Amino acid sequence: MNGDAPHEGTDALRAEALDLYARALDEGHLPASDAQAPLLLDLGLLRPAQDDPARLEPVAPHHALHRLLRASEDRVAEKRRRQERLAKTLAPLLRAPEPEEQGSPSVTRHNGMERIGRVIGEAMTDATELLAVQPYRSYVRFDPAVHEPAVRRDQALLDRGGRIRALYQHTLRHAPSLAWRYERLSGDVEARSLDEITDRLVIVDREVAFIPAGPERATALEVRHPAIVTFLATTFDRLWRLATPMYPEADQQPTLNGVTPRQRAIAALLVEGHTDAVIADRLGMNIRTAREHIAKLAAVLGSGSRAQLGYLIGQSGILDQGE
C-alpha cells in the first residue's frame, strides 16, 4: 500500500465511502468489485479475506483510527526533518553581519538632555570641525549656566585649531543669548542666518551627526552611517552658501519699498496659506511677534483683511524683489 495513500485518502472520505464502510461493518464483508472498495483498501479500512480474495473484510474502527493517526504523525515528523535539512542547506546564505558591523551600529538613540550633551561632548573630544543648525524654540528659556559647558567644549575645539559654523534663523540675529555665546568664543567661528532652517543638526568632523528623534529636544539620534552623514553635511553646506553672514561681521539685510526681509518671509508663508502659529514656528519667533509683523505688513500694503493681504502681496511684487 502506498505510504502517502492514507493522507490522500483521508481527504477523500466522502459520505458514500463512509456508508460503504458502515455496511461492511454490519454485514461483515463486501465484494471486492465494489467501486469504492479501492479507496477503503488504501485507507486500511478494508482488507482481503483470507479464505476468499473476492471478498473484503472490515478492519475494526479503533485499529483503523490508530493506523491513520500513526501515519499522520509519521508525515509530520518527515516534514520536520525536511525543514531541518532545508535550514541546514540554506544556513550559509543567511550569515549574520560581521562582528565589526554588530559592534558599530549606524544609528543610536539617546534619551535625556544630559546624556545627549555628554555623547556630543565625547564625539567632540578630538574634533576639528563642528557644523550646527540651531533653530529657535519659544518654549526653551535661555539659561547661561546650562549653556556654559557647551561654550567651554566649543572653545576647546577652537583652541585645537578647529572651526565652527552655525546656522540660525534671521529672528536670532540680535538675540542676547547669541551675543552672550559669541562674546565668549575666540577662533575660527562663524554664524549665518536664514529665514527658515532645518530642525536641530550637529555634525562633528563630517563623521557623526546628531538629529532630533522627537518633537522636543529630549531625544536624539546619533548617526554614523557615512552616506547619511555626507548627505546631511552637503545639505548644511548648501544652506550655508545661501545664508546671510551674522558673526563675526554682520551683513545688513536690505529693506525694499518699506518691507523688511522678515516681513517678506512672512508674506511668502501667508501666500502659502499658513496660520500665524505655523509662521511663528518656521521663522523662529513667538506668535505675538509674528502677528505684529503681519499687522505692519498689512499697514505697508494698505490691507484691511487677511484675504486682501494675500492678494496685495501677490500684486505688490515684493516676493519677486526678495529673490
Foldseek 3Di string as FASTA:
>chain_A
DDLCLLVVLVVVCDPVLVVVLVVLVVVQKDFCPDPSNVSCVSLQQWDADPVDNRIIGGDPVVVSVVVSVVSVVVVVVVVVVVVVVVCVVCVVVPDDDDPVPVVDDQKDKDFAPVVVVVVVLVLLVPFQEKEKEAEADPVDDDDCVVCVVVLVSVQVNQVVVHAYEYEYFPVCLPPPSVVVSVVSHDHHYWYFYYQFDDAIKMATNLQWIWDAPDPDNRMIMIGRDNVVSVVVVVVSVVVVVVTFTRPPDGDDFDDDQNAGPNLLQLLVVLLVPDDLCVSCRRRRHHSVVSVVSVVVQCVSQVHDDSVVSNVSSVVVCPNVVND
